[in-house]
């Protein structure tokens, strides 16, 4: 289930006692207790550590979604750190939920993408490219120029080209051309880059 940018329902009343109870509740054997505790902890900026620890072992999808939603509600760089391991998960549902949580944190999304673009797993770097669709054109272009210029995997570059074709600015044109030179004999990439350059050239004046 996708995360929403704004938590639904009333905001729990937050106090020191609530924090202590909720932090302990994350370790409960009762699913509903863990779910309620995860929701309460979203009101505390310093709750990333217990939420992150709980996310690492939580098997129930509903509780995990509540944890991720609270991490997104806190929306700090520490939240990004807590979510990044789940983007690397082999569990598609966990991975998608973590991606949704990152998308719900526009104030730190650029930081998350920059870190994911350096990941050793090419599949994770492909996911990072797709996340850049959520950013303003200039920010997306600056981030995606990095894999265009230096990523050794053609599939990662192709993912960056695909996103830049949709959201990129004119500053992407030179990195796109240099990317084509780095991968000679890749007709699908050459075609994608040509399409991206044509599209950016046609639309750049209207993009911010």
C-alpha atoms as a PDB file:
ATOM      1  CA  UNK A   1       0.000   0.000   0.000  1.00  0.00           C
ATOM      2  CA  UNK A   2       1.551   3.330  -1.021  1.00  0.00           C
ATOM      3  CA  UNK A   3       2.393   5.840   1.642  1.00  0.00           C
ATOM      4  CA  UNK A   4       0.544   9.126   1.697  1.00  0.00           C
ATOM      5  CA  UNK A   5       2.407  12.407   2.052  1.00  0.00           C
ATOM      6  CA  UNK A   6       0.184  13.410   4.965  1.00  0.00           C
ATOM      7  CA  UNK A   7      -0.601  10.856   7.702  1.00  0.00           C
ATOM      8  CA  UNK A   8      -4.305  10.094   7.907  1.00  0.00           C
ATOM      9  CA  UNK A   9      -6.314  10.426  11.086  1.00  0.00           C
ATOM     10  CA  UNK A  10      -5.733  12.605  14.153  1.00  0.00           C
ATOM     11  CA  UNK A  11      -2.200  13.375  15.257  1.00  0.00           C
ATOM     12  CA  UNK A  12      -1.436  11.535  18.502  1.00  0.00           C
ATOM     13  CA  UNK A  13      -0.820  13.670  21.555  1.00  0.00           C
ATOM     14  CA  UNK A  14       2.927  13.594  22.173  1.00  0.00           C
ATOM     15  CA  UNK A  15       4.686  13.656  25.504  1.00  0.00           C
ATOM     16  CA  UNK A  16       7.670  12.017  27.196  1.00  0.00           C
ATOM     17  CA  UNK A  17       5.505   9.265  28.635  1.00  0.00           C
ATOM     18  CA  UNK A  18       4.028   8.616  25.194  1.00  0.00           C
ATOM     19  CA  UNK A  19       7.494   8.256  23.732  1.00  0.00           C
ATOM     20  CA  UNK A  20       8.696   5.803  26.371  1.00  0.00           C
ATOM     21  CA  UNK A  21       5.533   3.715  26.100  1.00  0.00           C
ATOM     22  CA  UNK A  22       5.607   3.689  22.315  1.00  0.00           C
ATOM     23  CA  UNK A  23       9.299   2.850  22.096  1.00  0.00           C
ATOM     24  CA  UNK A  24       8.688  -0.114  24.393  1.00  0.00           C
ATOM     25  CA  UNK A  25       5.556  -1.014  22.433  1.00  0.00           C
ATOM     26  CA  UNK A  26       7.567  -1.537  19.265  1.00  0.00           C
ATOM     27  CA  UNK A  27       8.948  -4.668  20.932  1.00  0.00           C
ATOM     28  CA  UNK A  28       5.515  -6.048  21.823  1.00  0.00           C
ATOM     29  CA  UNK A  29       4.436  -9.466  20.592  1.00  0.00           C
ATOM     30  CA  UNK A  30       1.036  -7.952  19.752  1.00  0.00           C
ATOM     31  CA  UNK A  31       0.751  -6.617  16.220  1.00  0.00           C
ATOM     32  CA  UNK A  32      -1.769  -3.894  17.085  1.00  0.00           C
ATOM     33  CA  UNK A  33       0.434  -2.593  19.892  1.00  0.00           C
ATOM     34  CA  UNK A  34       3.412  -2.337  17.568  1.00  0.00           C
ATOM     35  CA  UNK A  35       1.265  -0.590  14.927  1.00  0.00           C
ATOM     36  CA  UNK A  36      -0.071   2.013  17.384  1.00  0.00           C
ATOM     37  CA  UNK A  37       3.397   2.553  18.829  1.00  0.00           C
ATOM     38  CA  UNK A  38       4.881   3.138  15.386  1.00  0.00           C
ATOM     39  CA  UNK A  39       2.248   5.773  14.646  1.00  0.00           C
ATOM     40  CA  UNK A  40       2.824   7.598  17.925  1.00  0.00           C
ATOM     41  CA  UNK A  41       6.593   7.762  17.400  1.00  0.00           C
ATOM     42  CA  UNK A  42       6.171   9.792  14.224  1.00  0.00           C
ATOM     43  CA  UNK A  43       5.581  12.805  16.476  1.00  0.00           C
ATOM     44  CA  UNK A  44       9.123  12.624  17.898  1.00  0.00           C
ATOM     45  CA  UNK A  45      12.128  13.783  15.889  1.00  0.00           C
ATOM     46  CA  UNK A  46      14.437  11.638  18.045  1.00  0.00           C
ATOM     47  CA  UNK A  47      12.451   8.438  17.386  1.00  0.00           C
ATOM     48  CA  UNK A  48      14.357   7.453  14.249  1.00  0.00           C
ATOM     49  CA  UNK A  49      16.635   5.020  16.115  1.00  0.00           C
ATOM     50  CA  UNK A  50      13.886   2.815  17.599  1.00  0.00           C
ATOM     51  CA  UNK A  51      11.824   3.038  14.412  1.00  0.00           C
ATOM     52  CA  UNK A  52      14.805   2.056  12.285  1.00  0.00           C
ATOM     53  CA  UNK A  53      15.674  -0.846  14.562  1.00  0.00           C
ATOM     54  CA  UNK A  54      12.086  -2.079  14.494  1.00  0.00           C
ATOM     55  CA  UNK A  55      11.874  -1.785  10.706  1.00  0.00           C
ATOM     56  CA  UNK A  56      14.859  -4.088  10.327  1.00  0.00           C
ATOM     57  CA  UNK A  57      13.005  -7.011  11.919  1.00  0.00           C
ATOM     58  CA  UNK A  58       9.300  -6.212  11.477  1.00  0.00           C
ATOM     59  CA  UNK A  59       7.525  -8.942   9.468  1.00  0.00           C
ATOM     60  CA  UNK A  60       3.985  -7.536   9.501  1.00  0.00           C
ATOM     61  CA  UNK A  61       3.335  -5.349   6.447  1.00  0.00           C
ATOM     62  CA  UNK A  62       0.854  -3.056   8.210  1.00  0.00           C
ATOM     63  CA  UNK A  63       3.227  -2.349  11.095  1.00  0.00           C
ATOM     64  CA  UNK A  64       6.112  -1.858   8.693  1.00  0.00           C
ATOM     65  CA  UNK A  65       4.061   0.660   6.730  1.00  0.00           C
ATOM     66  CA  UNK A  66       3.322   2.554   9.955  1.00  0.00           C
ATOM     67  CA  UNK A  67       7.035   2.584  10.775  1.00  0.00           C
ATOM     68  CA  UNK A  68       7.955   3.885   7.332  1.00  0.00           C
ATOM     69  CA  UNK A  69       5.187   6.485   7.478  1.00  0.00           C
ATOM     70  CA  UNK A  70       6.516   7.770  10.800  1.00  0.00           C
ATOM     71  CA  UNK A  71      10.057   7.908   9.447  1.00  0.00           C
ATOM     72  CA  UNK A  72       8.733   9.942   6.519  1.00  0.00           C
ATOM     73  CA  UNK A  73       6.805  12.182   8.899  1.00  0.00           C
ATOM     74  CA  UNK A  74      10.014  12.912  10.824  1.00  0.00           C
ATOM     75  CA  UNK A  75      11.676  13.509   7.463  1.00  0.00           C
ATOM     76  CA  UNK A  76      15.276  13.956   8.595  1.00  0.00           C
ATOM     77  CA  UNK A  77      18.591  12.794   7.116  1.00  0.00           C
ATOM     78  CA  UNK A  78      18.557  10.116   9.825  1.00  0.00           C
ATOM     79  CA  UNK A  79      15.229   8.938   8.416  1.00  0.00           C
ATOM     80  CA  UNK A  80      16.946   8.493   5.061  1.00  0.00           C
ATOM     81  CA  UNK A  81      19.686   6.420   6.708  1.00  0.00           C
ATOM     82  CA  UNK A  82      17.062   4.206   8.340  1.00  0.00           C
ATOM     83  CA  UNK A  83      15.197   3.646   5.071  1.00  0.00           C
ATOM     84  CA  UNK A  84      18.088   3.019   2.673  1.00  0.00           C
ATOM     85  CA  UNK A  85      18.719  -0.619   3.692  1.00  0.00           C
ATOM     86  CA  UNK A  86      15.124  -1.424   2.745  1.00  0.00           C
ATOM     87  CA  UNK A  87      15.577  -0.023  -0.753  1.00  0.00           C
ATOM     88  CA  UNK A  88      18.210  -2.764  -1.140  1.00  0.00           C
ATOM     89  CA  UNK A  89      15.846  -5.489   0.120  1.00  0.00           C
ATOM     90  CA  UNK A  90      15.039  -8.554  -1.963  1.00  0.00           C
ATOM     91  CA  UNK A  91      11.452  -8.225  -0.689  1.00  0.00           C
ATOM     92  CA  UNK A  92       9.619  -6.236  -3.370  1.00  0.00           C
ATOM     93  CA  UNK A  93       6.905  -5.040  -0.973  1.00  0.00           C
ATOM     94  CA  UNK A  94       9.451  -3.804   1.569  1.00  0.00           C
ATOM     95  CA  UNK A  95      11.495  -2.136  -1.175  1.00  0.00           C
ATOM     96  CA  UNK A  96       8.446  -0.385  -2.649  1.00  0.00           C
ATOM     97  CA  UNK A  97       7.296   0.840   0.757  1.00  0.00           C
ATOM     98  CA  UNK A  98      10.745   2.285   1.465  1.00  0.00           C
ATOM     99  CA  UNK A  99      10.749   4.040  -1.907  1.00  0.00           C
ATOM    100  CA  UNK A 100       7.318   5.512  -1.169  1.00  0.00           C
ATOM    101  CA  UNK A 101       8.578   6.782   2.176  1.00  0.00           C
ATOM    102  CA  UNK A 102      11.545   8.480   0.526  1.00  0.00           C
ATOM    103  CA  UNK A 103       9.227  10.108  -2.022  1.00  0.00           C
ATOM    104  CA  UNK A 104       7.198  11.496   0.871  1.00  0.00           C
ATOM    105  CA  UNK A 105      10.254  13.402   2.162  1.00  0.00           C
ATOM    106  CA  UNK A 106      10.935  16.025  -0.524  1.00  0.00           C
ATOM    107  CA  UNK A 107      13.123  18.048   1.849  1.00  0.00           C
ATOM    108  CA  UNK A 108      15.742  15.260   2.007  1.00  0.00           C
ATOM    109  CA  UNK A 109      15.026  13.321  -1.189  1.00  0.00           C
ATOM    110  CA  UNK A 110      18.045  14.760  -3.011  1.00  0.00           C
ATOM    111  CA  UNK A 111      20.301  13.489  -0.212  1.00  0.00           C
ATOM    112  CA  UNK A 112      18.765  10.023  -0.495  1.00  0.00           C
ATOM    113  CA  UNK A 113      19.179   9.894  -4.261  1.00  0.00           C
ATOM    114  CA  UNK A 114      22.781  11.070  -4.119  1.00  0.00           C
ATOM    115  CA  UNK A 115      23.596   8.291  -1.668  1.00  0.00           C
ATOM    116  CA  UNK A 116      21.749   5.619  -3.638  1.00  0.00           C
ATOM    117  CA  UNK A 117      23.491   6.609  -6.870  1.00  0.00           C
ATOM    118  CA  UNK A 118      26.757   5.569  -5.203  1.00  0.00           C
ATOM    119  CA  UNK A 119      25.444   2.173  -4.144  1.00  0.00           C
ATOM    120  CA  UNK A 120      27.432  -0.861  -5.214  1.00  0.00           C
ATOM    121  CA  UNK A 121      24.291  -2.581  -6.550  1.00  0.00           C
ATOM    122  CA  UNK A 122      23.382  -1.420 -10.057  1.00  0.00           C
ATOM    123  CA  UNK A 123      19.714  -2.281  -9.462  1.00  0.00           C
ATOM    124  CA  UNK A 124      19.646   0.137  -6.533  1.00  0.00           C
ATOM    125  CA  UNK A 125      21.197   2.839  -8.686  1.00  0.00           C
ATOM    126  CA  UNK A 126      18.454   2.257 -11.269  1.00  0.00           C
ATOM    127  CA  UNK A 127      15.847   2.775  -8.536  1.00  0.00           C
ATOM    128  CA  UNK A 128      17.632   5.968  -7.495  1.00  0.00           C
ATOM    129  CA  UNK A 129      17.297   7.317 -11.019  1.00  0.00           C
ATOM    130  CA  UNK A 130      13.554   6.726 -10.928  1.00  0.00           C
ATOM    131  CA  UNK A 131      13.272   8.554  -7.595  1.00  0.00           C
ATOM    132  CA  UNK A 132      14.661  11.657  -9.299  1.00  0.00           C
ATOM    133  CA  UNK A 133      11.340  12.032 -11.119  1.00  0.00           C
ATOM    134  CA  UNK A 134      10.029  13.523  -7.881  1.00  0.00           C
ATOM    135  CA  UNK A 135      12.526  16.416  -7.938  1.00  0.00           C
ATOM    136  CA  UNK A 136      12.452  19.800  -9.662  1.00  0.00           C
ATOM    137  CA  UNK A 137      14.004  19.723 -13.124  1.00  0.00           C
ATOM    138  CA  UNK A 138      17.273  21.414 -12.170  1.00  0.00           C
ATOM    139  CA  UNK A 139      17.850  19.188  -9.140  1.00  0.00           C
ATOM    140  CA  UNK A 140      17.066  16.016 -11.095  1.00  0.00           C
ATOM    141  CA  UNK A 141      19.407  17.063 -13.888  1.00  0.00           C
ATOM    142  CA  UNK A 142      22.298  17.804 -11.540  1.00  0.00           C
ATOM    143  CA  UNK A 143      21.963  14.449  -9.788  1.00  0.00           C
ATOM    144  CA  UNK A 144      21.479  12.342 -12.906  1.00  0.00           C
ATOM    145  CA  UNK A 145      24.403  13.966 -14.685  1.00  0.00           C
ATOM    146  CA  UNK A 146      26.609  11.951 -12.311  1.00  0.00           C
ATOM    147  CA  UNK A 147      25.693   8.477 -13.641  1.00  0.00           C
ATOM    148  CA  UNK A 148      25.605   9.816 -17.195  1.00  0.00           C
ATOM    149  CA  UNK A 149      29.212  10.927 -16.824  1.00  0.00           C
ATOM    150  CA  UNK A 150      30.662   8.063 -14.822  1.00  0.00           C
ATOM    151  CA  UNK A 151      28.431   5.048 -14.097  1.00  0.00           C
ATOM    152  CA  UNK A 152      29.944   1.929 -15.684  1.00  0.00           C
ATOM    153  CA  UNK A 153      26.606   0.133 -16.113  1.00  0.00           C
ATOM    154  CA  UNK A 154      24.698   0.816 -19.310  1.00  0.00           C
ATOM    155  CA  UNK A 155      21.369  -0.040 -17.643  1.00  0.00           C
ATOM    156  CA  UNK A 156      21.898   2.612 -14.983  1.00  0.00           C
ATOM    157  CA  UNK A 157      22.701   5.193 -17.642  1.00  0.00           C
ATOM    158  CA  UNK A 158      19.638   4.130 -19.620  1.00  0.00           C
ATOM    159  CA  UNK A 159      17.485   4.665 -16.517  1.00  0.00           C
ATOM    160  CA  UNK A 160      18.995   8.121 -16.040  1.00  0.00           C
ATOM    161  CA  UNK A 161      18.353   8.976 -19.692  1.00  0.00           C
ATOM    162  CA  UNK A 162      14.736   7.850 -19.410  1.00  0.00           C
ATOM    163  CA  UNK A 163      14.097  10.123 -16.426  1.00  0.00           C
ATOM    164  CA  UNK A 164      16.000  13.069 -17.897  1.00  0.00           C
ATOM    165  CA  UNK A 165      13.928  12.793 -21.067  1.00  0.00           C
ATOM    166  CA  UNK A 166      10.863  13.464 -18.913  1.00  0.00           C
ATOM    167  CA  UNK A 167      12.115  15.994 -16.355  1.00  0.00           C
ATOM    168  CA  UNK A 168      15.591  17.144 -17.391  1.00  0.00           C
ATOM    169  CA  UNK A 169      16.746  20.653 -18.208  1.00  0.00           C
ATOM    170  CA  UNK A 170      19.047  21.952 -20.951  1.00  0.00           C
ATOM    171  CA  UNK A 171      22.068  21.402 -18.663  1.00  0.00           C
ATOM    172  CA  UNK A 172      21.643  17.678 -19.330  1.00  0.00           C
ATOM    173  CA  UNK A 173      22.470  17.954 -23.036  1.00  0.00           C
ATOM    174  CA  UNK A 174      26.245  17.787 -22.756  1.00  0.00           C
ATOM    175  CA  UNK A 175      26.269  14.939 -20.195  1.00  0.00           C
ATOM    176  CA  UNK A 176      23.865  13.052 -22.479  1.00  0.00           C
ATOM    177  CA  UNK A 177      26.174  13.457 -25.464  1.00  0.00           C
ATOM    178  CA  UNK A 178      29.208  12.380 -23.452  1.00  0.00           C
ATOM    179  CA  UNK A 179      27.284   9.359 -22.191  1.00  0.00           C
ATOM    180  CA  UNK A 180      26.647   8.281 -25.786  1.00  0.00           C
ATOM    181  CA  UNK A 181      30.386   8.462 -26.445  1.00  0.00           C
ATOM    182  CA  UNK A 182      31.113   6.279 -23.411  1.00  0.00           C
ATOM    183  CA  UNK A 183      28.920   3.449 -24.743  1.00  0.00           C
ATOM    184  CA  UNK A 184      29.545   3.094 -28.465  1.00  0.00           C
ATOM    185  CA  UNK A 185      27.733   0.259 -30.177  1.00  0.00           C
ATOM    186  CA  UNK A 186      24.708   0.435 -27.856  1.00  0.00           C
ATOM    187  CA  UNK A 187      21.941   1.341 -30.326  1.00  0.00           C
ATOM    188  CA  UNK A 188      19.132   1.346 -27.757  1.00  0.00           C
ATOM    189  CA  UNK A 189      21.029   3.817 -25.568  1.00  0.00           C
ATOM    190  CA  UNK A 190      22.025   5.974 -28.529  1.00  0.00           C
ATOM    191  CA  UNK A 191      18.388   6.113 -29.616  1.00  0.00           C
ATOM    192  CA  UNK A 192      17.185   6.979 -26.090  1.00  0.00           C
ATOM    193  CA  UNK A 193      19.776   9.748 -25.792  1.00  0.00           C
ATOM    194  CA  UNK A 194      18.797  11.179 -29.153  1.00  0.00           C
ATOM    195  CA  UNK A 195      15.129  11.207 -28.124  1.00  0.00           C
ATOM    196  CA  UNK A 196      16.003  12.822 -24.770  1.00  0.00           C
ATOM    197  CA  UNK A 197      18.087  15.534 -26.445  1.00  0.00           C
ATOM    198  CA  UNK A 198      15.317  16.285 -28.932  1.00  0.00           C
ATOM    199  CA  UNK A 199      12.699  16.439 -26.192  1.00  0.00           C
ATOM    200  CA  UNK A 200      14.766  18.670 -23.934  1.00  0.00           C
ATOM    201  CA  UNK A 201      15.620  20.931 -26.856  1.00  0.00           C
ATOM    202  CA  UNK A 202      11.931  21.346 -27.608  1.00  0.00           C
ATOM    203  CA  UNK A 203      10.760  21.842 -24.025  1.00  0.00           C
ATOM    204  CA  UNK A 204      13.691  23.478 -22.197  1.00  0.00           C
ATOM    205  CA  UNK A 205      12.396  27.074 -22.533  1.00  0.00           C
ATOM    206  CA  UNK A 206       9.285  26.178 -20.508  1.00  0.00           C
ATOM    207  CA  UNK A 207      11.091  24.271 -17.745  1.00  0.00           C
ATOM    208  CA  UNK A 208      12.154  25.720 -14.396  1.00  0.00           C
END
